[in-house]
Amino acid sequence: MNQHKKHTSIAAVVCAIICPSARIGLFIRQPDKQYPMWKMASGGIEPGESTPQGLLREVEEETGFVIPSYRDKDGSLVVGNDDCRVVSFGCEPTNGPHGVHDKHFFAVIVKDPREIIALDRQQLKEDEDELIETRVFRLDEIAAIPDFLYRQRPFLTKVIEYALAEQ
């Protein structure tokens, strides 16, 4: 993963969690007042957090999945390992509710499908207002899910193509 500097401006992460060998991915649905949709884990990077720290926190908060991480001898945060790789797909400026901010795109590529399957159909309560449901979908059925967040489809397609080509 590329090293990312700490952000002082508003920034966000979007993360696809997939297991290419089993052709499955873990997705979430939050209760939207009008349109509850399935999507990838995503959220804002908090003040004082680095992009990798925000990624670790958001993925765990929204899915229950804990991305392995450790500090190297220089004290730098290393995210992922041989069984759970984290791949950066870059960053782009995006219009959000608080103006333009950086959106960082990641894929967590998991070797063991049991890591994802264990989180299927759980409900996580982050706070009083936010109940998050998780579900494992086959990668080939994503295109047919009418309530999958349309803005995330191009990125997810790119991640799936990348992961399946690496097998």
N, C-alpha and C. Protein backbone atom coordinates (compact mmCIF):
# COMPACT_ATOMS: atom_id res chain seq x y z
N MET A 1 0.85 -1.18 0.00
CA MET A 1 0.00 0.00 0.00
C MET A 1 0.89 1.24 0.00
N ASN A 2 0.47 2.25 -0.70
CA ASN A 2 1.21 3.50 -0.72
C ASN A 2 1.13 4.18 0.64
N GLN A 3 2.20 4.89 1.01
CA GLN A 3 2.16 5.66 2.24
C GLN A 3 1.27 6.88 2.01
N HIS A 4 0.43 7.20 2.97
CA HIS A 4 -0.44 8.37 2.86
C HIS A 4 -0.12 9.33 3.99
N LYS A 5 -0.12 10.61 3.67
CA LYS A 5 0.12 11.60 4.70
C LYS A 5 -1.16 11.84 5.48
N LYS A 6 -1.01 12.40 6.65
CA LYS A 6 -2.18 12.77 7.45
C LYS A 6 -2.92 13.91 6.78
N HIS A 7 -4.24 13.85 6.86
CA HIS A 7 -5.07 14.87 6.23
C HIS A 7 -5.57 15.85 7.28
N THR A 8 -5.50 17.11 6.95
CA THR A 8 -6.08 18.11 7.83
C THR A 8 -7.44 18.54 7.27
N SER A 9 -7.68 18.24 5.99
CA SER A 9 -8.97 18.56 5.39
C SER A 9 -9.89 17.35 5.51
N ILE A 10 -11.14 17.55 5.14
CA ILE A 10 -12.11 16.46 5.16
C ILE A 10 -11.72 15.46 4.08
N ALA A 11 -11.69 14.17 4.44
CA ALA A 11 -11.36 13.11 3.48
C ALA A 11 -12.18 11.88 3.84
N ALA A 12 -12.25 10.95 2.90
CA ALA A 12 -13.04 9.74 3.12
C ALA A 12 -12.35 8.54 2.52
N VAL A 13 -12.77 7.35 2.95
CA VAL A 13 -12.29 6.09 2.39
C VAL A 13 -13.48 5.28 1.89
N VAL A 14 -13.25 4.51 0.83
CA VAL A 14 -14.22 3.54 0.31
C VAL A 14 -13.44 2.24 0.17
N CYS A 15 -14.00 1.13 0.66
CA CYS A 15 -13.25 -0.11 0.68
C CYS A 15 -14.10 -1.30 0.24
N ALA A 16 -13.61 -2.02 -0.76
CA ALA A 16 -14.22 -3.28 -1.19
C ALA A 16 -13.53 -4.41 -0.44
N ILE A 17 -14.29 -5.32 0.14
CA ILE A 17 -13.74 -6.47 0.85
C ILE A 17 -14.16 -7.71 0.08
N ILE A 18 -13.18 -8.37 -0.56
CA ILE A 18 -13.52 -9.51 -1.40
C ILE A 18 -12.59 -10.68 -1.18
N CYS A 19 -13.08 -11.86 -1.53
CA CYS A 19 -12.28 -13.09 -1.54
C CYS A 19 -12.37 -13.65 -2.95
N PRO A 20 -11.36 -13.39 -3.79
CA PRO A 20 -11.43 -13.80 -5.19
C PRO A 20 -11.53 -15.32 -5.38
N SER A 21 -10.86 -16.10 -4.53
CA SER A 21 -10.89 -17.55 -4.71
C SER A 21 -12.30 -18.12 -4.54
N ALA A 22 -13.10 -17.51 -3.68
CA ALA A 22 -14.48 -17.96 -3.49
C ALA A 22 -15.47 -17.10 -4.29
N ARG A 23 -14.93 -16.04 -4.93
CA ARG A 23 -15.75 -15.13 -5.72
C ARG A 23 -16.90 -14.53 -4.90
N ILE A 24 -16.56 -14.06 -3.70
CA ILE A 24 -17.55 -13.42 -2.83
C ILE A 24 -17.02 -12.09 -2.32
N GLY A 25 -17.94 -11.24 -1.87
CA GLY A 25 -17.58 -9.96 -1.28
C GLY A 25 -18.51 -9.65 -0.13
N LEU A 26 -18.03 -8.84 0.81
CA LEU A 26 -18.81 -8.43 1.98
C LEU A 26 -19.28 -7.00 1.78
N PHE A 27 -20.58 -6.79 1.92
CA PHE A 27 -21.16 -5.48 1.71
C PHE A 27 -22.05 -5.11 2.89
N ILE A 28 -22.40 -3.83 2.97
CA ILE A 28 -23.20 -3.34 4.10
C ILE A 28 -24.43 -2.61 3.58
N ARG A 29 -25.42 -2.51 4.46
CA ARG A 29 -26.60 -1.68 4.17
C ARG A 29 -26.92 -0.92 5.44
N GLN A 30 -27.02 0.37 5.29
CA GLN A 30 -27.42 1.23 6.39
C GLN A 30 -28.83 1.71 6.13
N PRO A 31 -29.60 1.92 7.18
CA PRO A 31 -30.97 2.37 6.97
C PRO A 31 -30.99 3.82 6.51
N ASP A 32 -31.24 4.00 5.25
CA ASP A 32 -31.40 5.34 4.69
C ASP A 32 -32.89 5.65 4.80
N LYS A 33 -33.20 6.84 5.15
CA LYS A 33 -34.60 7.19 5.37
C LYS A 33 -35.46 6.97 4.12
N GLN A 34 -34.88 7.15 2.94
CA GLN A 34 -35.66 6.96 1.72
C GLN A 34 -35.25 5.72 0.93
N TYR A 35 -33.93 5.51 0.79
CA TYR A 35 -33.45 4.46 -0.10
C TYR A 35 -32.32 3.65 0.56
N PRO A 36 -32.65 2.63 1.35
CA PRO A 36 -31.57 1.80 1.90
C PRO A 36 -30.90 1.02 0.77
N MET A 37 -29.61 1.16 0.64
CA MET A 37 -28.89 0.51 -0.46
C MET A 37 -27.71 -0.28 0.07
N TRP A 38 -27.38 -1.35 -0.64
CA TRP A 38 -26.16 -2.11 -0.35
C TRP A 38 -24.99 -1.32 -0.90
N LYS A 39 -23.87 -1.35 -0.17
CA LYS A 39 -22.70 -0.60 -0.61
C LYS A 39 -21.45 -1.18 0.03
N MET A 40 -20.31 -0.60 -0.33
CA MET A 40 -19.04 -0.97 0.27
C MET A 40 -18.86 -0.16 1.55
N ALA A 41 -18.03 -0.66 2.44
CA ALA A 41 -17.72 0.09 3.65
C ALA A 41 -17.08 1.42 3.26
N SER A 42 -17.51 2.49 3.91
CA SER A 42 -16.96 3.80 3.59
C SER A 42 -17.25 4.76 4.74
N GLY A 43 -16.49 5.82 4.78
CA GLY A 43 -16.73 6.82 5.80
C GLY A 43 -15.63 7.84 5.85
N GLY A 44 -15.83 8.81 6.72
CA GLY A 44 -14.89 9.92 6.83
C GLY A 44 -13.67 9.60 7.67
N ILE A 45 -12.60 10.25 7.31
CA ILE A 45 -11.36 10.18 8.10
C ILE A 45 -11.47 11.28 9.15
N GLU A 46 -11.28 10.89 10.40
CA GLU A 46 -11.44 11.84 11.49
C GLU A 46 -10.22 12.74 11.62
N PRO A 47 -10.39 13.94 12.18
CA PRO A 47 -9.24 14.84 12.39
C PRO A 47 -8.14 14.14 13.18
N GLY A 48 -6.91 14.27 12.69
CA GLY A 48 -5.77 13.65 13.36
C GLY A 48 -5.49 12.22 12.93
N GLU A 49 -6.40 11.62 12.15
CA GLU A 49 -6.20 10.26 11.65
C GLU A 49 -5.46 10.29 10.32
N SER A 50 -4.62 9.30 10.10
CA SER A 50 -4.05 9.11 8.77
C SER A 50 -5.06 8.33 7.93
N THR A 51 -4.83 8.29 6.65
CA THR A 51 -5.73 7.52 5.78
C THR A 51 -5.77 6.05 6.18
N PRO A 52 -4.62 5.37 6.42
CA PRO A 52 -4.68 3.97 6.86
C PRO A 52 -5.44 3.79 8.18
N GLN A 53 -5.26 4.71 9.12
CA GLN A 53 -5.99 4.61 10.39
C GLN A 53 -7.50 4.73 10.16
N GLY A 54 -7.89 5.66 9.30
CA GLY A 54 -9.30 5.82 8.98
C GLY A 54 -9.87 4.58 8.29
N LEU A 55 -9.08 3.99 7.41
CA LEU A 55 -9.49 2.76 6.74
C LEU A 55 -9.73 1.64 7.75
N LEU A 56 -8.77 1.42 8.63
CA LEU A 56 -8.91 0.37 9.65
C LEU A 56 -10.16 0.58 10.50
N ARG A 57 -10.36 1.80 10.96
CA ARG A 57 -11.49 2.11 11.84
C ARG A 57 -12.83 1.95 11.11
N GLU A 58 -12.94 2.53 9.93
CA GLU A 58 -14.21 2.47 9.20
C GLU A 58 -14.60 1.03 8.84
N VAL A 59 -13.64 0.25 8.36
CA VAL A 59 -13.96 -1.14 7.99
C VAL A 59 -14.42 -1.92 9.21
N GLU A 60 -13.73 -1.77 10.33
CA GLU A 60 -14.13 -2.51 11.53
C GLU A 60 -15.50 -2.02 12.05
N GLU A 61 -15.70 -0.71 12.09
CA GLU A 61 -16.98 -0.18 12.57
C GLU A 61 -18.14 -0.64 11.71
N GLU A 62 -17.95 -0.64 10.40
CA GLU A 62 -19.07 -0.91 9.51
C GLU A 62 -19.28 -2.38 9.17
N THR A 63 -18.25 -3.21 9.31
CA THR A 63 -18.41 -4.61 8.92
C THR A 63 -18.08 -5.60 10.04
N GLY A 64 -17.34 -5.16 11.03
CA GLY A 64 -16.85 -6.09 12.05
C GLY A 64 -15.56 -6.77 11.63
N PHE A 65 -15.12 -6.56 10.39
CA PHE A 65 -13.89 -7.18 9.88
C PHE A 65 -12.69 -6.38 10.37
N VAL A 66 -11.73 -7.07 10.94
CA VAL A 66 -10.52 -6.42 11.45
C VAL A 66 -9.38 -6.68 10.48
N ILE A 67 -8.91 -5.62 9.83
CA ILE A 67 -7.78 -5.73 8.92
C ILE A 67 -6.52 -5.85 9.76
N PRO A 68 -5.70 -6.88 9.51
CA PRO A 68 -4.45 -6.99 10.28
C PRO A 68 -3.56 -5.76 10.05
N SER A 69 -2.93 -5.31 11.12
CA SER A 69 -2.02 -4.17 11.01
C SER A 69 -0.99 -4.24 12.13
N TYR A 70 0.12 -3.56 11.93
CA TYR A 70 1.15 -3.49 12.95
C TYR A 70 2.04 -2.27 12.68
N ARG A 71 2.83 -1.93 13.65
CA ARG A 71 3.80 -0.84 13.49
C ARG A 71 5.16 -1.47 13.17
N ASP A 72 5.83 -0.95 12.14
CA ASP A 72 7.17 -1.47 11.83
C ASP A 72 8.19 -0.85 12.76
N LYS A 73 9.45 -1.21 12.58
CA LYS A 73 10.50 -0.74 13.50
C LYS A 73 10.66 0.77 13.49
N ASP A 74 10.22 1.44 12.42
CA ASP A 74 10.27 2.90 12.36
C ASP A 74 9.02 3.55 12.94
N GLY A 75 8.06 2.73 13.36
CA GLY A 75 6.83 3.24 13.93
C GLY A 75 5.74 3.51 12.91
N SER A 76 6.01 3.22 11.64
CA SER A 76 5.00 3.43 10.60
C SER A 76 3.94 2.34 10.66
N LEU A 77 2.71 2.71 10.38
CA LEU A 77 1.60 1.76 10.38
C LEU A 77 1.63 0.95 9.08
N VAL A 78 1.68 -0.37 9.23
CA VAL A 78 1.63 -1.29 8.08
C VAL A 78 0.28 -1.98 8.13
N VAL A 79 -0.46 -1.90 7.04
CA VAL A 79 -1.82 -2.43 6.99
C VAL A 79 -1.85 -3.64 6.07
N GLY A 80 -2.40 -4.77 6.56
CA GLY A 80 -2.51 -5.99 5.77
C GLY A 80 -1.35 -6.94 6.00
N ASN A 81 -1.49 -8.14 5.44
CA ASN A 81 -0.44 -9.15 5.51
C ASN A 81 -0.62 -10.10 4.33
N ASP A 82 0.08 -11.25 4.33
CA ASP A 82 0.00 -12.18 3.19
C ASP A 82 -1.40 -12.76 3.00
N ASP A 83 -2.17 -12.90 4.07
CA ASP A 83 -3.50 -13.50 3.98
C ASP A 83 -4.60 -12.47 3.77
N CYS A 84 -4.25 -11.21 3.92
CA CYS A 84 -5.25 -10.13 3.80
C CYS A 84 -4.53 -8.90 3.27
N ARG A 85 -4.47 -8.81 1.93
CA ARG A 85 -3.76 -7.70 1.30
C ARG A 85 -4.65 -6.47 1.16
N VAL A 86 -4.07 -5.31 1.36
CA VAL A 86 -4.77 -4.05 1.15
C VAL A 86 -4.13 -3.38 -0.05
N VAL A 87 -4.95 -3.07 -1.04
CA VAL A 87 -4.46 -2.47 -2.28
C VAL A 87 -5.11 -1.10 -2.43
N SER A 88 -4.28 -0.09 -2.67
CA SER A 88 -4.79 1.26 -2.91
C SER A 88 -5.13 1.42 -4.38
N PHE A 89 -6.31 1.96 -4.65
CA PHE A 89 -6.74 2.25 -6.01
C PHE A 89 -6.75 3.75 -6.27
N GLY A 90 -6.03 4.49 -5.43
CA GLY A 90 -5.88 5.92 -5.66
C GLY A 90 -6.88 6.78 -4.92
N CYS A 91 -6.85 8.04 -5.29
CA CYS A 91 -7.64 9.06 -4.61
C CYS A 91 -8.17 10.03 -5.65
N GLU A 92 -9.37 10.53 -5.41
CA GLU A 92 -9.91 11.54 -6.31
C GLU A 92 -10.71 12.56 -5.52
N PRO A 93 -10.74 13.80 -5.99
CA PRO A 93 -11.57 14.80 -5.32
C PRO A 93 -13.04 14.49 -5.60
N THR A 94 -13.86 14.64 -4.58
CA THR A 94 -15.28 14.31 -4.68
C THR A 94 -16.10 15.39 -4.00
N ASN A 95 -17.24 15.72 -4.57
CA ASN A 95 -18.17 16.64 -3.91
C ASN A 95 -18.94 15.87 -2.87
N GLY A 96 -18.93 16.36 -1.65
CA GLY A 96 -19.66 15.72 -0.56
C GLY A 96 -20.53 16.74 0.15
N PRO A 97 -21.17 16.32 1.22
CA PRO A 97 -22.07 17.23 1.94
C PRO A 97 -21.34 18.43 2.55
N HIS A 98 -20.02 18.30 2.75
CA HIS A 98 -19.25 19.39 3.36
C HIS A 98 -18.31 20.05 2.35
N GLY A 99 -18.61 19.90 1.07
CA GLY A 99 -17.77 20.49 0.03
C GLY A 99 -16.90 19.44 -0.63
N VAL A 100 -15.89 19.89 -1.34
CA VAL A 100 -14.97 18.98 -2.03
C VAL A 100 -14.00 18.38 -1.02
N HIS A 101 -13.81 17.05 -1.12
CA HIS A 101 -12.85 16.37 -0.26
C HIS A 101 -12.20 15.23 -1.03
N ASP A 102 -11.10 14.70 -0.50
CA ASP A 102 -10.43 13.56 -1.12
C ASP A 102 -11.15 12.28 -0.74
N LYS A 103 -11.37 11.41 -1.73
CA LYS A 103 -11.94 10.09 -1.47
C LYS A 103 -10.89 9.07 -1.89
N HIS A 104 -10.46 8.24 -0.93
CA HIS A 104 -9.44 7.22 -1.15
C HIS A 104 -10.12 5.87 -1.36
N PHE A 105 -9.69 5.15 -2.39
CA PHE A 105 -10.30 3.86 -2.74
C PHE A 105 -9.34 2.72 -2.43
N PHE A 106 -9.86 1.70 -1.73
CA PHE A 106 -9.06 0.54 -1.34
C PHE A 106 -9.80 -0.76 -1.61
N ALA A 107 -9.03 -1.82 -1.75
CA ALA A 107 -9.59 -3.17 -1.78
C ALA A 107 -8.87 -3.97 -0.71
N VAL A 108 -9.63 -4.73 0.06
CA VAL A 108 -9.08 -5.70 0.99
C VAL A 108 -9.31 -7.06 0.33
N ILE A 109 -8.22 -7.72 -0.01
CA ILE A 109 -8.30 -9.00 -0.71
C ILE A 109 -7.93 -10.10 0.26
N VAL A 110 -8.93 -10.91 0.59
CA VAL A 110 -8.82 -11.92 1.64
C VAL A 110 -8.63 -13.29 1.00
N LYS A 111 -7.68 -14.09 1.51
CA LYS A 111 -7.45 -15.44 0.97
C LYS A 111 -8.49 -16.44 1.46
N ASP A 112 -8.81 -16.42 2.74
CA ASP A 112 -9.69 -17.42 3.34
C ASP A 112 -11.13 -16.93 3.35
N PRO A 113 -12.03 -17.56 2.58
CA PRO A 113 -13.41 -17.09 2.52
C PRO A 113 -14.13 -17.13 3.87
N ARG A 114 -13.67 -17.96 4.79
CA ARG A 114 -14.32 -18.03 6.11
C ARG A 114 -14.23 -16.71 6.85
N GLU A 115 -13.20 -15.92 6.55
CA GLU A 115 -13.04 -14.60 7.17
C GLU A 115 -14.24 -13.70 6.84
N ILE A 116 -14.76 -13.84 5.63
CA ILE A 116 -15.89 -13.02 5.19
C ILE A 116 -17.21 -13.70 5.55
N ILE A 117 -17.30 -14.99 5.30
CA ILE A 117 -18.55 -15.72 5.54
C ILE A 117 -19.00 -15.60 7.00
N ALA A 118 -18.04 -15.54 7.92
CA ALA A 118 -18.38 -15.42 9.34
C ALA A 118 -19.15 -14.13 9.65
N LEU A 119 -19.04 -13.14 8.78
CA LEU A 119 -19.69 -11.84 9.02
C LEU A 119 -21.01 -11.70 8.26
N ASP A 120 -21.42 -12.75 7.55
CA ASP A 120 -22.64 -12.69 6.76
C ASP A 120 -23.87 -12.52 7.63
N ARG A 121 -24.72 -11.58 7.24
CA ARG A 121 -26.02 -11.34 7.85
C ARG A 121 -25.96 -11.00 9.35
N GLN A 122 -24.96 -10.26 9.71
CA GLN A 122 -24.92 -9.77 11.09
C GLN A 122 -25.42 -8.33 11.11
N GLN A 123 -25.81 -7.91 12.28
CA GLN A 123 -26.22 -6.51 12.44
C GLN A 123 -25.33 -5.88 13.49
N LEU A 124 -24.77 -4.75 13.15
CA LEU A 124 -23.88 -4.02 14.05
C LEU A 124 -24.55 -2.73 14.45
N LYS A 125 -24.49 -2.42 15.72
CA LYS A 125 -25.05 -1.15 16.19
C LYS A 125 -23.88 -0.25 16.57
N GLU A 126 -23.64 0.74 15.73
CA GLU A 126 -22.54 1.66 15.96
C GLU A 126 -22.93 2.72 16.97
N ASP A 127 -24.11 3.25 16.84
CA ASP A 127 -24.62 4.23 17.80
C ASP A 127 -26.14 4.16 17.76
N GLU A 128 -26.79 5.02 18.47
CA GLU A 128 -28.25 4.96 18.58
C GLU A 128 -28.97 5.11 17.24
N ASP A 129 -28.36 5.85 16.30
CA ASP A 129 -29.04 6.14 15.04
C ASP A 129 -28.62 5.25 13.88
N GLU A 130 -27.58 4.45 14.05
CA GLU A 130 -27.03 3.76 12.89
C GLU A 130 -26.95 2.26 13.14
N LEU A 131 -27.80 1.52 12.47
CA LEU A 131 -27.77 0.07 12.50
C LEU A 131 -27.26 -0.38 11.14
N ILE A 132 -26.24 -1.19 11.15
CA ILE A 132 -25.63 -1.62 9.90
C ILE A 132 -25.82 -3.12 9.75
N GLU A 133 -26.28 -3.53 8.59
CA GLU A 133 -26.46 -4.94 8.27
C GLU A 133 -25.37 -5.34 7.28
N THR A 134 -24.76 -6.52 7.46
CA THR A 134 -23.76 -7.00 6.51
C THR A 134 -24.32 -8.19 5.76
N ARG A 135 -23.79 -8.39 4.56
CA ARG A 135 -24.20 -9.55 3.78
C ARG A 135 -23.10 -9.91 2.80
N VAL A 136 -22.92 -11.21 2.60
CA VAL A 136 -21.97 -11.72 1.61
C VAL A 136 -22.75 -11.97 0.32
N PHE A 137 -22.25 -11.42 -0.76
CA PHE A 137 -22.83 -11.66 -2.08
C PHE A 137 -21.79 -12.33 -2.97
N ARG A 138 -22.25 -13.14 -3.90
CA ARG A 138 -21.36 -13.65 -4.94
C ARG A 138 -21.02 -12.46 -5.85
N LEU A 139 -19.78 -12.39 -6.29
CA LEU A 139 -19.36 -11.26 -7.11
C LEU A 139 -20.14 -11.18 -8.42
N ASP A 140 -20.54 -12.34 -8.96
CA ASP A 140 -21.27 -12.33 -10.23
C ASP A 140 -22.73 -11.89 -10.07
N GLU A 141 -23.23 -11.76 -8.84
CA GLU A 141 -24.60 -11.31 -8.67
C GLU A 141 -24.72 -9.83 -8.34
N ILE A 142 -23.61 -9.15 -8.15
CA ILE A 142 -23.63 -7.73 -7.79
C ILE A 142 -24.35 -6.90 -8.87
N ALA A 143 -24.06 -7.19 -10.13
CA ALA A 143 -24.67 -6.41 -11.22
C ALA A 143 -26.19 -6.52 -11.21
N ALA A 144 -26.73 -7.62 -10.68
CA ALA A 144 -28.17 -7.84 -10.69
C ALA A 144 -28.88 -7.29 -9.45
N ILE A 145 -28.13 -6.75 -8.50
CA ILE A 145 -28.75 -6.23 -7.28
C ILE A 145 -29.22 -4.81 -7.56
N PRO A 146 -30.54 -4.60 -7.64
CA PRO A 146 -31.03 -3.28 -8.02
C PRO A 146 -30.74 -2.21 -6.97
N ASP A 147 -30.62 -2.60 -5.71
CA ASP A 147 -30.40 -1.59 -4.67
C ASP A 147 -28.94 -1.56 -4.21
N PHE A 148 -28.00 -1.73 -5.17
CA PHE A 148 -26.58 -1.54 -4.88
C PHE A 148 -26.22 -0.13 -5.31
N LEU A 149 -25.53 0.60 -4.44
CA LEU A 149 -25.23 2.02 -4.67
C LEU A 149 -24.55 2.20 -6.04
N TYR A 150 -25.24 2.84 -6.94
CA TYR A 150 -24.78 2.96 -8.33
C TYR A 150 -23.45 3.69 -8.47
N ARG A 151 -23.17 4.66 -7.58
CA ARG A 151 -21.91 5.41 -7.69
C ARG A 151 -20.70 4.54 -7.40
N GLN A 152 -20.88 3.44 -6.67
CA GLN A 152 -19.75 2.58 -6.33
C GLN A 152 -19.52 1.46 -7.35
N ARG A 153 -20.45 1.24 -8.24
CA ARG A 153 -20.32 0.13 -9.20
C ARG A 153 -19.06 0.19 -10.06
N PRO A 154 -18.69 1.34 -10.63
CA PRO A 154 -17.48 1.35 -11.47
C PRO A 154 -16.22 0.96 -10.69
N PHE A 155 -16.08 1.46 -9.47
CA PHE A 155 -14.92 1.11 -8.66
C PHE A 155 -14.94 -0.38 -8.33
N LEU A 156 -16.09 -0.91 -7.93
CA LEU A 156 -16.19 -2.33 -7.58
C LEU A 156 -15.86 -3.21 -8.79
N THR A 157 -16.31 -2.82 -9.96
CA THR A 157 -15.99 -3.57 -11.18
C THR A 157 -14.48 -3.62 -11.39
N LYS A 158 -13.82 -2.49 -11.20
CA LYS A 158 -12.36 -2.43 -11.35
C LYS A 158 -11.67 -3.34 -10.33
N VAL A 159 -12.12 -3.34 -9.09
CA VAL A 159 -11.52 -4.17 -8.04
C VAL A 159 -11.69 -5.65 -8.37
N ILE A 160 -12.89 -6.04 -8.78
CA ILE A 160 -13.16 -7.44 -9.10
C ILE A 160 -12.28 -7.90 -10.26
N GLU A 161 -12.18 -7.10 -11.32
CA GLU A 161 -11.33 -7.45 -12.45
C GLU A 161 -9.87 -7.61 -12.02
N TYR A 162 -9.39 -6.69 -11.20
CA TYR A 162 -8.01 -6.75 -10.70
C TYR A 162 -7.78 -8.03 -9.89
N ALA A 163 -8.66 -8.29 -8.93
CA ALA A 163 -8.48 -9.44 -8.02
C ALA A 163 -8.58 -10.77 -8.77
N LEU A 164 -9.52 -10.88 -9.68
CA LEU A 164 -9.68 -12.14 -10.41
C LEU A 164 -8.51 -12.37 -11.38
N ALA A 165 -7.95 -11.30 -11.94
CA ALA A 165 -6.80 -11.43 -12.83
C ALA A 165 -5.55 -11.88 -12.09
N GLU A 166 -5.46 -11.57 -10.81
CA GLU A 166 -4.30 -11.94 -10.00
C GLU A 166 -4.28 -13.40 -9.58
N GLN A 167 -5.43 -14.05 -9.64
CA GLN A 167 -5.51 -15.45 -9.17
C GLN A 167 -4.61 -16.35 -9.93
